[in-house]
N, C-alpha and C. Protein backbone atom coordinates (compact mmCIF):
# COMPACT_ATOMS: atom_id res chain seq x y z
N MET A 1 -18.79 -7.92 -23.55
CA MET A 1 -19.20 -6.57 -23.26
C MET A 1 -17.94 -5.77 -22.94
N ARG A 2 -17.81 -4.62 -23.48
CA ARG A 2 -16.61 -3.77 -23.27
C ARG A 2 -16.71 -3.06 -21.94
N GLY A 3 -15.53 -2.87 -21.32
CA GLY A 3 -15.44 -2.10 -20.10
C GLY A 3 -15.75 -2.85 -18.80
N ILE A 4 -16.15 -4.10 -18.96
CA ILE A 4 -16.44 -4.91 -17.77
C ILE A 4 -15.45 -6.05 -17.75
N ALA A 5 -14.76 -6.21 -16.64
CA ALA A 5 -13.75 -7.29 -16.49
C ALA A 5 -14.48 -8.62 -16.41
N PRO A 6 -13.84 -9.65 -16.94
CA PRO A 6 -14.42 -10.99 -16.82
C PRO A 6 -14.59 -11.38 -15.34
N ILE A 7 -15.50 -12.30 -15.06
CA ILE A 7 -15.76 -12.70 -13.70
C ILE A 7 -14.50 -13.16 -12.99
N ARG A 8 -13.64 -13.90 -13.69
CA ARG A 8 -12.42 -14.40 -13.08
C ARG A 8 -11.54 -13.23 -12.56
N ASP A 9 -11.40 -12.21 -13.39
CA ASP A 9 -10.61 -11.03 -12.97
C ASP A 9 -11.24 -10.36 -11.77
N ASN A 10 -12.55 -10.21 -11.78
CA ASN A 10 -13.26 -9.60 -10.67
C ASN A 10 -13.08 -10.37 -9.39
N SER A 11 -13.14 -11.71 -9.49
CA SER A 11 -13.00 -12.51 -8.25
C SER A 11 -11.59 -12.44 -7.74
N LEU A 12 -10.59 -12.36 -8.60
CA LEU A 12 -9.20 -12.22 -8.14
C LEU A 12 -8.98 -10.86 -7.47
N LYS A 13 -9.57 -9.84 -8.05
CA LYS A 13 -9.45 -8.50 -7.44
C LYS A 13 -10.15 -8.48 -6.08
N GLY A 14 -11.29 -9.09 -6.00
CA GLY A 14 -12.02 -9.16 -4.76
C GLY A 14 -11.25 -9.91 -3.69
N LYS A 15 -10.62 -11.02 -4.09
CA LYS A 15 -9.81 -11.78 -3.15
C LYS A 15 -8.61 -10.97 -2.67
N ALA A 16 -7.95 -10.27 -3.58
CA ALA A 16 -6.81 -9.41 -3.21
C ALA A 16 -7.28 -8.32 -2.25
N TYR A 17 -8.41 -7.73 -2.50
CA TYR A 17 -8.92 -6.69 -1.62
C TYR A 17 -9.18 -7.22 -0.22
N PHE A 18 -9.88 -8.35 -0.15
CA PHE A 18 -10.24 -8.90 1.16
C PHE A 18 -8.99 -9.45 1.89
N ASP A 19 -8.01 -9.97 1.14
CA ASP A 19 -6.77 -10.39 1.79
C ASP A 19 -6.04 -9.20 2.40
N ALA A 20 -5.99 -8.08 1.65
CA ALA A 20 -5.35 -6.87 2.18
C ALA A 20 -6.14 -6.34 3.39
N LEU A 21 -7.45 -6.38 3.34
CA LEU A 21 -8.28 -5.93 4.44
C LEU A 21 -8.04 -6.78 5.69
N ALA A 22 -7.86 -8.10 5.48
CA ALA A 22 -7.59 -9.00 6.61
C ALA A 22 -6.24 -8.67 7.25
N ASP A 23 -5.25 -8.31 6.40
CA ASP A 23 -3.93 -7.91 6.92
C ASP A 23 -4.08 -6.66 7.80
N VAL A 24 -4.87 -5.72 7.35
CA VAL A 24 -5.06 -4.47 8.14
C VAL A 24 -5.70 -4.82 9.47
N VAL A 25 -6.69 -5.67 9.43
CA VAL A 25 -7.38 -6.07 10.69
C VAL A 25 -6.43 -6.79 11.59
N ASP A 26 -5.63 -7.72 11.05
CA ASP A 26 -4.69 -8.51 11.87
C ASP A 26 -3.52 -7.72 12.39
N LEU A 27 -2.94 -6.87 11.54
CA LEU A 27 -1.72 -6.19 11.86
C LEU A 27 -1.88 -4.78 12.37
N GLY A 28 -3.05 -4.20 12.14
CA GLY A 28 -3.32 -2.85 12.59
C GLY A 28 -2.74 -1.83 11.63
N ASN A 29 -2.65 -0.59 12.09
CA ASN A 29 -2.17 0.51 11.28
C ASN A 29 -0.61 0.59 11.40
N LEU A 30 0.09 0.07 10.42
CA LEU A 30 1.54 0.05 10.45
C LEU A 30 2.12 1.35 9.95
N ALA A 31 3.23 1.77 10.52
CA ALA A 31 3.90 3.00 10.09
C ALA A 31 4.58 2.80 8.73
N ILE A 32 4.61 3.81 7.96
CA ILE A 32 5.34 3.77 6.66
C ILE A 32 6.83 3.88 6.98
N PRO A 33 7.66 3.00 6.46
CA PRO A 33 9.11 3.06 6.76
C PRO A 33 9.69 4.39 6.31
N LEU A 34 10.62 4.93 7.09
CA LEU A 34 11.23 6.23 6.79
C LEU A 34 11.85 6.28 5.43
N HIS A 35 12.53 5.19 5.02
CA HIS A 35 13.27 5.22 3.76
C HIS A 35 12.40 5.38 2.52
N ILE A 36 11.10 5.16 2.64
CA ILE A 36 10.24 5.38 1.46
C ILE A 36 9.35 6.60 1.60
N ARG A 37 9.48 7.34 2.69
CA ARG A 37 8.71 8.55 2.87
C ARG A 37 9.31 9.69 2.11
N ASN A 38 8.52 10.71 1.81
CA ASN A 38 8.97 11.91 1.16
C ASN A 38 9.89 12.69 2.07
N ALA A 39 10.94 13.34 1.56
CA ALA A 39 11.86 14.15 2.34
C ALA A 39 11.95 15.57 1.78
N PRO A 40 10.95 16.40 2.01
CA PRO A 40 10.96 17.74 1.42
C PRO A 40 11.91 18.75 2.09
N THR A 41 12.40 18.41 3.28
CA THR A 41 13.32 19.33 3.95
C THR A 41 14.66 18.68 4.25
N GLN A 42 15.68 19.50 4.47
CA GLN A 42 17.00 18.97 4.79
C GLN A 42 16.97 18.15 6.09
N LEU A 43 16.21 18.64 7.09
CA LEU A 43 16.12 17.91 8.39
C LEU A 43 15.58 16.52 8.13
N MET A 44 14.54 16.42 7.34
CA MET A 44 13.93 15.10 7.12
C MET A 44 14.93 14.17 6.39
N ARG A 45 15.72 14.70 5.45
CA ARG A 45 16.72 13.90 4.77
C ARG A 45 17.77 13.42 5.79
N GLU A 46 18.14 14.30 6.69
CA GLU A 46 19.13 13.94 7.73
C GLU A 46 18.58 12.89 8.68
N LEU A 47 17.29 12.87 8.87
CA LEU A 47 16.67 11.90 9.76
C LEU A 47 16.43 10.54 9.09
N GLY A 48 16.74 10.44 7.81
CA GLY A 48 16.62 9.17 7.09
C GLY A 48 15.39 9.04 6.23
N TYR A 49 14.59 10.09 6.11
CA TYR A 49 13.45 10.04 5.21
C TYR A 49 13.95 10.03 3.78
N GLY A 50 13.28 9.28 2.91
CA GLY A 50 13.55 9.29 1.46
C GLY A 50 14.88 8.70 1.07
N GLN A 51 15.44 7.82 1.90
CA GLN A 51 16.75 7.24 1.57
C GLN A 51 16.62 6.04 0.62
N GLY A 52 15.42 5.56 0.37
CA GLY A 52 15.28 4.34 -0.44
C GLY A 52 14.96 4.68 -1.80
């Protein structure tokens, strides 16, 4: 059937989703590192945003 992933693919995606969810539960809400954040202003660039 077109447009539907095989069961194996669906189960791998489900496992990845639930593994990521478990990380969020275990580790909480982690901050995004400054070096990968957007730096739309000069001040933000000077503070280290967007350096990566």
